[in-house]
């Protein structure tokens, strides 16, 4: 059986440090995520073409715009590919796409112009040749957050559940039970003992305070995300204002990308309106 190959495409800060993943079989490929901007879509088209495989499917695992907004570029380049999403994800994108496009109008010429129709993913996996990319997660507390697991290679694609050196967008999960459910899913991932773990967002140029020893283990997105969620809860529980909580999190993670995500997350968790 031909093993799968995983090519991670790290998109820039202007695309929220999204990590799209091209999963390659012997003859066909599946792309997870489309990117945010038109240039993201064009870059992913080039990666597929360079692979020499036929793109059979594009999977949209979450309703975050960096997972689907640039799909039109891939649809135009690969008209025979299927565009798939879990039904709740597809329904939310169809409901909110006009508001999302308005919210991202600042992209200007980089803003995609149309919604690509998504097929509901009725099964719990995407098939690629003789392999299964299993869709897991989606607990009662977080019904629309998924990750992918391929058991032969012990590969875990964390999607919106895993972040590495990037402040997570927690404004969409402001409640304590949601963060607790998230940590439960992280424990579920860790119990799989993956050999390869790819976060949905990562910043690989983060400076470190000292040289990393040769042979040291690679950064673990599961542990990093869990540490961040617990730190967020700890700082949020202190009897200080939202600005002080935001400052404390920025001090804890001084090199993490997207620091602008922290203040909205804190205010949402406190039930306060966003700053003007």
C-alpha atoms as a PDB file:
ATOM      1  CA  UNK A   1       0.000   0.000   0.000  1.00  0.00           C
ATOM      2  CA  UNK A   2       1.349   3.397  -0.983  1.00  0.00           C
ATOM      3  CA  UNK A   3       1.839   5.618   2.114  1.00  0.00           C
ATOM      4  CA  UNK A   4       0.330   9.070   2.288  1.00  0.00           C
ATOM      5  CA  UNK A   5       2.482  12.188   2.117  1.00  0.00           C
ATOM      6  CA  UNK A   6       1.566  15.389   3.928  1.00  0.00           C
ATOM      7  CA  UNK A   7       2.653  18.782   2.633  1.00  0.00           C
ATOM      8  CA  UNK A   8       1.906  21.689   4.946  1.00  0.00           C
ATOM      9  CA  UNK A   9       1.502  25.063   3.270  1.00  0.00           C
ATOM     10  CA  UNK A  10       2.097  27.861   5.776  1.00  0.00           C
ATOM     11  CA  UNK A  11       0.151  30.952   4.756  1.00  0.00           C
ATOM     12  CA  UNK A  12       1.294  34.423   5.887  1.00  0.00           C
ATOM     13  CA  UNK A  13       0.240  36.613   8.773  1.00  0.00           C
ATOM     14  CA  UNK A  14      -2.228  38.415   6.516  1.00  0.00           C
ATOM     15  CA  UNK A  15      -3.960  35.022   6.207  1.00  0.00           C
ATOM     16  CA  UNK A  16      -3.854  34.414   9.984  1.00  0.00           C
ATOM     17  CA  UNK A  17      -0.878  32.037   9.789  1.00  0.00           C
ATOM     18  CA  UNK A  18      -3.206  29.360   8.440  1.00  0.00           C
ATOM     19  CA  UNK A  19      -1.590  25.968   7.801  1.00  0.00           C
ATOM     20  CA  UNK A  20      -3.344  24.309   4.862  1.00  0.00           C
ATOM     21  CA  UNK A  21      -2.483  20.648   4.291  1.00  0.00           C
ATOM     22  CA  UNK A  22      -2.168  18.831   0.975  1.00  0.00           C
ATOM     23  CA  UNK A  23      -2.539  15.084   1.536  1.00  0.00           C
ATOM     24  CA  UNK A  24      -0.988  13.085  -1.285  1.00  0.00           C
ATOM     25  CA  UNK A  25      -1.690   9.527  -2.310  1.00  0.00           C
ATOM     26  CA  UNK A  26       0.013   7.774  -5.182  1.00  0.00           C
ATOM     27  CA  UNK A  27      -2.255   9.310  -7.827  1.00  0.00           C
ATOM     28  CA  UNK A  28      -4.742  11.592  -6.080  1.00  0.00           C
ATOM     29  CA  UNK A  29      -4.753  14.309  -3.461  1.00  0.00           C
ATOM     30  CA  UNK A  30      -7.035  15.887  -0.866  1.00  0.00           C
ATOM     31  CA  UNK A  31      -6.605  19.495   0.224  1.00  0.00           C
ATOM     32  CA  UNK A  32      -7.647  20.525   3.745  1.00  0.00           C
ATOM     33  CA  UNK A  33      -8.487  24.258   3.856  1.00  0.00           C
ATOM     34  CA  UNK A  34      -8.494  26.845   1.067  1.00  0.00           C
ATOM     35  CA  UNK A  35      -6.903  29.920   2.601  1.00  0.00           C
ATOM     36  CA  UNK A  36      -8.370  33.351   3.054  1.00  0.00           C
ATOM     37  CA  UNK A  37      -7.166  35.495   0.146  1.00  0.00           C
ATOM     38  CA  UNK A  38      -7.165  35.012  -3.609  1.00  0.00           C
ATOM     39  CA  UNK A  39      -3.376  34.751  -3.516  1.00  0.00           C
ATOM     40  CA  UNK A  40      -3.697  31.932  -0.955  1.00  0.00           C
ATOM     41  CA  UNK A  41      -5.889  30.029  -3.373  1.00  0.00           C
ATOM     42  CA  UNK A  42      -3.426  30.585  -6.229  1.00  0.00           C
ATOM     43  CA  UNK A  43      -0.554  29.362  -4.080  1.00  0.00           C
ATOM     44  CA  UNK A  44      -2.462  26.205  -3.195  1.00  0.00           C
ATOM     45  CA  UNK A  45      -3.267  25.635  -6.877  1.00  0.00           C
ATOM     46  CA  UNK A  46       0.468  25.750  -7.616  1.00  0.00           C
ATOM     47  CA  UNK A  47       1.181  23.267  -4.817  1.00  0.00           C
ATOM     48  CA  UNK A  48      -1.372  20.817  -6.210  1.00  0.00           C
ATOM     49  CA  UNK A  49       0.000  21.178  -9.730  1.00  0.00           C
ATOM     50  CA  UNK A  50       3.558  20.720  -8.495  1.00  0.00           C
ATOM     51  CA  UNK A  51       2.566  17.491  -6.744  1.00  0.00           C
ATOM     52  CA  UNK A  52       1.580  15.836 -10.014  1.00  0.00           C
ATOM     53  CA  UNK A  53      -1.547  14.336  -8.418  1.00  0.00           C
ATOM     54  CA  UNK A  54      -5.170  14.815  -9.388  1.00  0.00           C
ATOM     55  CA  UNK A  55      -7.072  16.812  -6.790  1.00  0.00           C
ATOM     56  CA  UNK A  56     -10.079  14.683  -5.890  1.00  0.00           C
ATOM     57  CA  UNK A  57     -11.461  16.670  -2.953  1.00  0.00           C
ATOM     58  CA  UNK A  58     -11.166  19.890  -0.980  1.00  0.00           C
ATOM     59  CA  UNK A  59     -12.268  19.523   2.624  1.00  0.00           C
ATOM     60  CA  UNK A  60     -13.578  22.518   4.550  1.00  0.00           C
ATOM     61  CA  UNK A  61     -13.440  21.313   8.165  1.00  0.00           C
ATOM     62  CA  UNK A  62     -14.629  24.516   9.854  1.00  0.00           C
ATOM     63  CA  UNK A  63     -16.609  27.673   9.162  1.00  0.00           C
ATOM     64  CA  UNK A  64     -13.666  30.021   9.860  1.00  0.00           C
ATOM     65  CA  UNK A  65     -13.100  32.106   6.698  1.00  0.00           C
ATOM     66  CA  UNK A  66      -9.492  30.940   6.279  1.00  0.00           C
ATOM     67  CA  UNK A  67     -10.914  27.438   5.684  1.00  0.00           C
ATOM     68  CA  UNK A  68     -13.216  28.332   2.762  1.00  0.00           C
ATOM     69  CA  UNK A  69     -13.121  31.930   1.547  1.00  0.00           C
ATOM     70  CA  UNK A  70     -10.609  31.349  -1.296  1.00  0.00           C
ATOM     71  CA  UNK A  71     -12.341  28.193  -2.546  1.00  0.00           C
ATOM     72  CA  UNK A  72     -13.349  29.860  -5.827  1.00  0.00           C
ATOM     73  CA  UNK A  73      -9.742  29.848  -7.068  1.00  0.00           C
ATOM     74  CA  UNK A  74      -9.465  26.112  -6.499  1.00  0.00           C
ATOM     75  CA  UNK A  75     -12.902  25.471  -8.020  1.00  0.00           C
ATOM     76  CA  UNK A  76     -11.862  27.290 -11.191  1.00  0.00           C
ATOM     77  CA  UNK A  77      -8.553  25.411 -11.392  1.00  0.00           C
ATOM     78  CA  UNK A  78      -9.937  21.966 -10.535  1.00  0.00           C
ATOM     79  CA  UNK A  79     -13.560  21.769 -11.718  1.00  0.00           C
ATOM     80  CA  UNK A  80     -13.768  18.002 -11.166  1.00  0.00           C
ATOM     81  CA  UNK A  81     -12.776  18.136  -7.481  1.00  0.00           C
ATOM     82  CA  UNK A  82     -15.454  17.688  -4.834  1.00  0.00           C
ATOM     83  CA  UNK A  83     -15.795  20.436  -2.214  1.00  0.00           C
ATOM     84  CA  UNK A  84     -16.878  18.845   1.051  1.00  0.00           C
ATOM     85  CA  UNK A  85     -17.812  20.070   4.521  1.00  0.00           C
ATOM     86  CA  UNK A  86     -19.574  18.558   7.532  1.00  0.00           C
ATOM     87  CA  UNK A  87     -23.245  19.490   7.256  1.00  0.00           C
ATOM     88  CA  UNK A  88     -23.264  21.917  10.248  1.00  0.00           C
ATOM     89  CA  UNK A  89     -20.200  23.664   8.824  1.00  0.00           C
ATOM     90  CA  UNK A  90     -21.742  23.914   5.364  1.00  0.00           C
ATOM     91  CA  UNK A  91     -25.019  25.259   6.764  1.00  0.00           C
ATOM     92  CA  UNK A  92     -23.258  27.957   8.780  1.00  0.00           C
ATOM     93  CA  UNK A  93     -21.118  29.065   5.841  1.00  0.00           C
ATOM     94  CA  UNK A  94     -24.195  29.329   3.616  1.00  0.00           C
ATOM     95  CA  UNK A  95     -25.967  31.351   6.302  1.00  0.00           C
ATOM     96  CA  UNK A  96     -23.107  33.713   7.129  1.00  0.00           C
ATOM     97  CA  UNK A  97     -21.071  34.076   3.939  1.00  0.00           C
ATOM     98  CA  UNK A  98     -22.371  37.540   3.035  1.00  0.00           C
ATOM     99  CA  UNK A  99     -21.626  38.877   6.520  1.00  0.00           C
ATOM    100  CA  UNK A 100     -18.185  37.250   6.462  1.00  0.00           C
ATOM    101  CA  UNK A 101     -17.367  38.805   3.121  1.00  0.00           C
ATOM    102  CA  UNK A 102     -18.473  42.214   4.399  1.00  0.00           C
ATOM    103  CA  UNK A 103     -16.334  41.798   7.521  1.00  0.00           C
ATOM    104  CA  UNK A 104     -13.287  41.071   5.364  1.00  0.00           C
ATOM    105  CA  UNK A 105     -13.903  43.838   2.835  1.00  0.00           C
ATOM    106  CA  UNK A 106     -10.565  45.348   3.865  1.00  0.00           C
ATOM    107  CA  UNK A 107      -8.835  42.668   1.789  1.00  0.00           C
ATOM    108  CA  UNK A 108      -9.708  44.775  -1.256  1.00  0.00           C
ATOM    109  CA  UNK A 109      -8.521  43.124  -4.474  1.00  0.00           C
ATOM    110  CA  UNK A 110      -7.584  40.025  -2.466  1.00  0.00           C
ATOM    111  CA  UNK A 111     -11.199  39.416  -1.389  1.00  0.00           C
ATOM    112  CA  UNK A 112     -12.825  36.397  -3.096  1.00  0.00           C
ATOM    113  CA  UNK A 113     -16.094  37.269  -4.773  1.00  0.00           C
ATOM    114  CA  UNK A 114     -18.357  34.224  -4.666  1.00  0.00           C
ATOM    115  CA  UNK A 115     -19.412  31.265  -2.560  1.00  0.00           C
ATOM    116  CA  UNK A 116     -18.506  27.812  -3.839  1.00  0.00           C
ATOM    117  CA  UNK A 117     -21.230  25.240  -3.258  1.00  0.00           C
ATOM    118  CA  UNK A 118     -20.181  22.660  -0.681  1.00  0.00           C
ATOM    119  CA  UNK A 119     -21.381  19.065  -0.588  1.00  0.00           C
ATOM    120  CA  UNK A 120     -22.334  17.833   2.876  1.00  0.00           C
ATOM    121  CA  UNK A 121     -19.873  15.247   4.154  1.00  0.00           C
ATOM    122  CA  UNK A 122     -22.298  12.548   5.226  1.00  0.00           C
ATOM    123  CA  UNK A 123     -19.681  10.005   6.338  1.00  0.00           C
ATOM    124  CA  UNK A 124     -17.199  10.321   9.191  1.00  0.00           C
ATOM    125  CA  UNK A 125     -14.183  10.183   6.876  1.00  0.00           C
ATOM    126  CA  UNK A 126     -12.719  11.315   3.564  1.00  0.00           C
ATOM    127  CA  UNK A 127     -11.384   8.445   1.458  1.00  0.00           C
ATOM    128  CA  UNK A 128      -8.064   8.810  -0.353  1.00  0.00           C
ATOM    129  CA  UNK A 129      -7.118   5.705  -2.291  1.00  0.00           C
ATOM    130  CA  UNK A 130      -6.912   2.986   0.409  1.00  0.00           C
ATOM    131  CA  UNK A 131      -6.674   5.423   3.319  1.00  0.00           C
ATOM    132  CA  UNK A 132      -9.269   7.126   5.512  1.00  0.00           C
ATOM    133  CA  UNK A 133      -8.956  10.626   6.900  1.00  0.00           C
ATOM    134  CA  UNK A 134     -11.311  10.257   9.856  1.00  0.00           C
ATOM    135  CA  UNK A 135     -13.274  13.292  11.002  1.00  0.00           C
ATOM    136  CA  UNK A 136     -13.239  13.372  14.798  1.00  0.00           C
ATOM    137  CA  UNK A 137     -13.994  15.822  17.591  1.00  0.00           C
ATOM    138  CA  UNK A 138     -17.274  17.742  17.475  1.00  0.00           C
ATOM    139  CA  UNK A 139     -18.143  17.143  21.127  1.00  0.00           C
ATOM    140  CA  UNK A 140     -21.405  18.278  22.686  1.00  0.00           C
ATOM    141  CA  UNK A 141     -19.647  21.371  23.987  1.00  0.00           C
ATOM    142  CA  UNK A 142     -18.025  22.161  20.624  1.00  0.00           C
ATOM    143  CA  UNK A 143     -20.246  20.666  17.916  1.00  0.00           C
ATOM    144  CA  UNK A 144     -18.511  22.379  14.977  1.00  0.00           C
ATOM    145  CA  UNK A 145     -14.820  21.871  15.865  1.00  0.00           C
ATOM    146  CA  UNK A 146     -13.206  18.871  14.188  1.00  0.00           C
ATOM    147  CA  UNK A 147      -9.828  17.317  13.648  1.00  0.00           C
ATOM    148  CA  UNK A 148      -8.622  14.653  11.199  1.00  0.00           C
ATOM    149  CA  UNK A 149      -6.910  11.388  12.081  1.00  0.00           C
ATOM    150  CA  UNK A 150      -5.185   8.891   9.763  1.00  0.00           C
ATOM    151  CA  UNK A 151      -4.361   5.789  11.760  1.00  0.00           C
ATOM    152  CA  UNK A 152      -1.796   4.081   9.510  1.00  0.00           C
ATOM    153  CA  UNK A 153       0.629   6.998   9.602  1.00  0.00           C
ATOM    154  CA  UNK A 154      -0.582   8.141  13.048  1.00  0.00           C
ATOM    155  CA  UNK A 155      -1.102  11.630  11.615  1.00  0.00           C
ATOM    156  CA  UNK A 156      -3.356  14.199  13.274  1.00  0.00           C
ATOM    157  CA  UNK A 157      -4.466  17.380  11.512  1.00  0.00           C
ATOM    158  CA  UNK A 158      -5.755  19.613  14.277  1.00  0.00           C
ATOM    159  CA  UNK A 159      -7.562  22.292  12.283  1.00  0.00           C
ATOM    160  CA  UNK A 160      -9.140  25.011  14.469  1.00  0.00           C
ATOM    161  CA  UNK A 161      -8.482  23.010  17.637  1.00  0.00           C
ATOM    162  CA  UNK A 162      -4.680  23.266  17.487  1.00  0.00           C
ATOM    163  CA  UNK A 163      -2.506  26.397  17.464  1.00  0.00           C
ATOM    164  CA  UNK A 164       1.251  26.820  17.772  1.00  0.00           C
ATOM    165  CA  UNK A 165       2.893  30.160  18.631  1.00  0.00           C
ATOM    166  CA  UNK A 166      -0.270  31.973  17.487  1.00  0.00           C
ATOM    167  CA  UNK A 167      -2.840  33.465  19.878  1.00  0.00           C
ATOM    168  CA  UNK A 168      -5.986  31.357  19.365  1.00  0.00           C
ATOM    169  CA  UNK A 169      -9.166  33.094  18.268  1.00  0.00           C
ATOM    170  CA  UNK A 170     -11.072  32.495  21.509  1.00  0.00           C
ATOM    171  CA  UNK A 171     -13.693  35.182  20.958  1.00  0.00           C
ATOM    172  CA  UNK A 172     -15.787  32.518  19.205  1.00  0.00           C
ATOM    173  CA  UNK A 173     -15.648  30.214  22.251  1.00  0.00           C
ATOM    174  CA  UNK A 174     -16.160  32.649  25.146  1.00  0.00           C
ATOM    175  CA  UNK A 175     -17.744  30.292  27.694  1.00  0.00           C
ATOM    176  CA  UNK A 176     -15.844  28.322  30.324  1.00  0.00           C
ATOM    177  CA  UNK A 177     -17.649  25.027  29.432  1.00  0.00           C
ATOM    178  CA  UNK A 178     -16.493  25.478  25.830  1.00  0.00           C
ATOM    179  CA  UNK A 179     -12.869  25.799  26.902  1.00  0.00           C
ATOM    180  CA  UNK A 180     -13.274  22.763  29.165  1.00  0.00           C
ATOM    181  CA  UNK A 181     -14.698  20.766  26.244  1.00  0.00           C
ATOM    182  CA  UNK A 182     -11.755  21.949  24.128  1.00  0.00           C
ATOM    183  CA  UNK A 183      -9.268  20.672  26.711  1.00  0.00           C
ATOM    184  CA  UNK A 184     -11.131  17.344  26.780  1.00  0.00           C
ATOM    185  CA  UNK A 185     -10.640  17.077  23.013  1.00  0.00           C
ATOM    186  CA  UNK A 186      -6.939  17.856  23.442  1.00  0.00           C
ATOM    187  CA  UNK A 187      -6.710  14.985  25.925  1.00  0.00           C
ATOM    188  CA  UNK A 188      -8.463  12.767  23.383  1.00  0.00           C
ATOM    189  CA  UNK A 189      -5.893  13.753  20.735  1.00  0.00           C
ATOM    190  CA  UNK A 190      -2.933  13.163  23.038  1.00  0.00           C
ATOM    191  CA  UNK A 191      -4.242   9.684  23.894  1.00  0.00           C
ATOM    192  CA  UNK A 192      -3.911   8.755  20.198  1.00  0.00           C
ATOM    193  CA  UNK A 193      -0.124   9.269  20.519  1.00  0.00           C
ATOM    194  CA  UNK A 194       0.254  10.791  17.046  1.00  0.00           C
ATOM    195  CA  UNK A 195       3.599  10.621  15.291  1.00  0.00           C
ATOM    196  CA  UNK A 196       2.822  13.754  13.248  1.00  0.00           C
ATOM    197  CA  UNK A 197       0.654  16.615  14.497  1.00  0.00           C
ATOM    198  CA  UNK A 198      -0.189  19.630  12.343  1.00  0.00           C
ATOM    199  CA  UNK A 199      -1.954  22.616  13.939  1.00  0.00           C
ATOM    200  CA  UNK A 200      -4.475  24.646  12.002  1.00  0.00           C
ATOM    201  CA  UNK A 201      -2.455  27.817  12.645  1.00  0.00           C
ATOM    202  CA  UNK A 202       1.257  28.004  13.347  1.00  0.00           C
ATOM    203  CA  UNK A 203       4.060  30.540  13.396  1.00  0.00           C
ATOM    204  CA  UNK A 204       7.370  28.802  12.771  1.00  0.00           C
ATOM    205  CA  UNK A 205       9.694  31.814  12.847  1.00  0.00           C
ATOM    206  CA  UNK A 206       9.042  32.532  16.517  1.00  0.00           C
ATOM    207  CA  UNK A 207      12.372  33.454  18.171  1.00  0.00           C
ATOM    208  CA  UNK A 208      13.403  31.355  21.143  1.00  0.00           C
ATOM    209  CA  UNK A 209      15.392  32.627  24.133  1.00  0.00           C
ATOM    210  CA  UNK A 210      18.120  30.008  23.805  1.00  0.00           C
ATOM    211  CA  UNK A 211      19.352  27.583  21.127  1.00  0.00           C
ATOM    212  CA  UNK A 212      17.282  24.427  20.898  1.00  0.00           C
ATOM    213  CA  UNK A 213      19.506  21.440  21.717  1.00  0.00           C
ATOM    214  CA  UNK A 214      20.124  18.993  18.917  1.00  0.00           C
ATOM    215  CA  UNK A 215      17.713  16.090  19.183  1.00  0.00           C
ATOM    216  CA  UNK A 216      15.223  18.049  21.274  1.00  0.00           C
ATOM    217  CA  UNK A 217      11.577  17.129  20.629  1.00  0.00           C
ATOM    218  CA  UNK A 218       9.614  19.227  18.152  1.00  0.00           C
ATOM    219  CA  UNK A 219       7.087  21.688  19.587  1.00  0.00           C
ATOM    220  CA  UNK A 220       3.842  19.937  20.469  1.00  0.00           C
ATOM    221  CA  UNK A 221       0.751  21.853  19.289  1.00  0.00           C
ATOM    222  CA  UNK A 222      -1.488  19.808  21.596  1.00  0.00           C
ATOM    223  CA  UNK A 223       0.509  20.782  24.675  1.00  0.00           C
ATOM    224  CA  UNK A 224       0.927  24.386  23.498  1.00  0.00           C
ATOM    225  CA  UNK A 225      -2.808  24.861  22.932  1.00  0.00           C
ATOM    226  CA  UNK A 226      -3.674  23.258  26.270  1.00  0.00           C
ATOM    227  CA  UNK A 227      -1.180  25.470  28.083  1.00  0.00           C
ATOM    228  CA  UNK A 228      -2.697  28.547  26.439  1.00  0.00           C
ATOM    229  CA  UNK A 229      -6.280  27.614  27.315  1.00  0.00           C
ATOM    230  CA  UNK A 230      -5.349  27.014  30.950  1.00  0.00           C
ATOM    231  CA  UNK A 231      -3.387  30.280  31.095  1.00  0.00           C
ATOM    232  CA  UNK A 232      -6.365  32.125  29.629  1.00  0.00           C
ATOM    233  CA  UNK A 233      -8.648  30.699  32.309  1.00  0.00           C
ATOM    234  CA  UNK A 234      -6.152  31.524  35.063  1.00  0.00           C
ATOM    235  CA  UNK A 235      -5.720  35.149  34.006  1.00  0.00           C
ATOM    236  CA  UNK A 236      -9.429  35.582  33.380  1.00  0.00           C
ATOM    237  CA  UNK A 237     -10.173  34.517  36.949  1.00  0.00           C
ATOM    238  CA  UNK A 238      -8.082  37.262  38.526  1.00  0.00           C
ATOM    239  CA  UNK A 239      -9.906  40.296  40.008  1.00  0.00           C
ATOM    240  CA  UNK A 240      -8.581  42.743  37.440  1.00  0.00           C
ATOM    241  CA  UNK A 241      -9.990  44.514  34.411  1.00  0.00           C
ATOM    242  CA  UNK A 242      -9.921  43.175  30.838  1.00  0.00           C
ATOM    243  CA  UNK A 243      -6.976  45.348  29.853  1.00  0.00           C
ATOM    244  CA  UNK A 244      -4.884  43.837  32.649  1.00  0.00           C
ATOM    245  CA  UNK A 245      -5.887  40.311  31.617  1.00  0.00           C
ATOM    246  CA  UNK A 246      -4.943  41.083  28.012  1.00  0.00           C
ATOM    247  CA  UNK A 247      -1.587  42.482  29.083  1.00  0.00           C
ATOM    248  CA  UNK A 248      -0.884  39.415  31.229  1.00  0.00           C
ATOM    249  CA  UNK A 249      -1.527  37.036  28.320  1.00  0.00           C
ATOM    250  CA  UNK A 250       0.692  39.104  26.036  1.00  0.00           C
ATOM    251  CA  UNK A 251       3.446  38.882  28.652  1.00  0.00           C
ATOM    252  CA  UNK A 252       3.022  35.118  28.957  1.00  0.00           C
ATOM    253  CA  UNK A 253       3.284  34.664  25.177  1.00  0.00           C
ATOM    254  CA  UNK A 254       5.446  37.578  24.001  1.00  0.00           C
ATOM    255  CA  UNK A 255       6.443  35.951  20.703  1.00  0.00           C
ATOM    256  CA  UNK A 256       3.061  34.542  19.699  1.00  0.00           C
ATOM    257  CA  UNK A 257       1.620  35.898  16.470  1.00  0.00           C
ATOM    258  CA  UNK A 258      -1.744  37.660  16.108  1.00  0.00           C
ATOM    259  CA  UNK A 259      -1.708  39.534  19.437  1.00  0.00           C
ATOM    260  CA  UNK A 260      -4.760  41.470  18.245  1.00  0.00           C
ATOM    261  CA  UNK A 261      -6.842  38.336  18.948  1.00  0.00           C
ATOM    262  CA  UNK A 262      -6.331  38.571  22.711  1.00  0.00           C
ATOM    263  CA  UNK A 263      -8.397  41.621  23.681  1.00  0.00           C
ATOM    264  CA  UNK A 264     -11.570  40.514  21.816  1.00  0.00           C
ATOM    265  CA  UNK A 265     -11.284  37.069  23.409  1.00  0.00           C
ATOM    266  CA  UNK A 266     -10.981  38.531  26.908  1.00  0.00           C
ATOM    267  CA  UNK A 267     -13.899  40.908  26.444  1.00  0.00           C
ATOM    268  CA  UNK A 268     -16.090  38.155  24.982  1.00  0.00           C
ATOM    269  CA  UNK A 269     -15.265  35.866  27.905  1.00  0.00           C
ATOM    270  CA  UNK A 270     -16.144  38.684  30.324  1.00  0.00           C
ATOM    271  CA  UNK A 271     -19.397  39.318  28.511  1.00  0.00           C
ATOM    272  CA  UNK A 272     -18.309  42.851  27.675  1.00  0.00           C
ATOM    273  CA  UNK A 273     -18.777  44.660  24.347  1.00  0.00           C
ATOM    274  CA  UNK A 274     -15.809  44.826  22.048  1.00  0.00           C
ATOM    275  CA  UNK A 275     -13.665  47.932  22.317  1.00  0.00           C
ATOM    276  CA  UNK A 276     -14.586  50.675  19.895  1.00  0.00           C
END
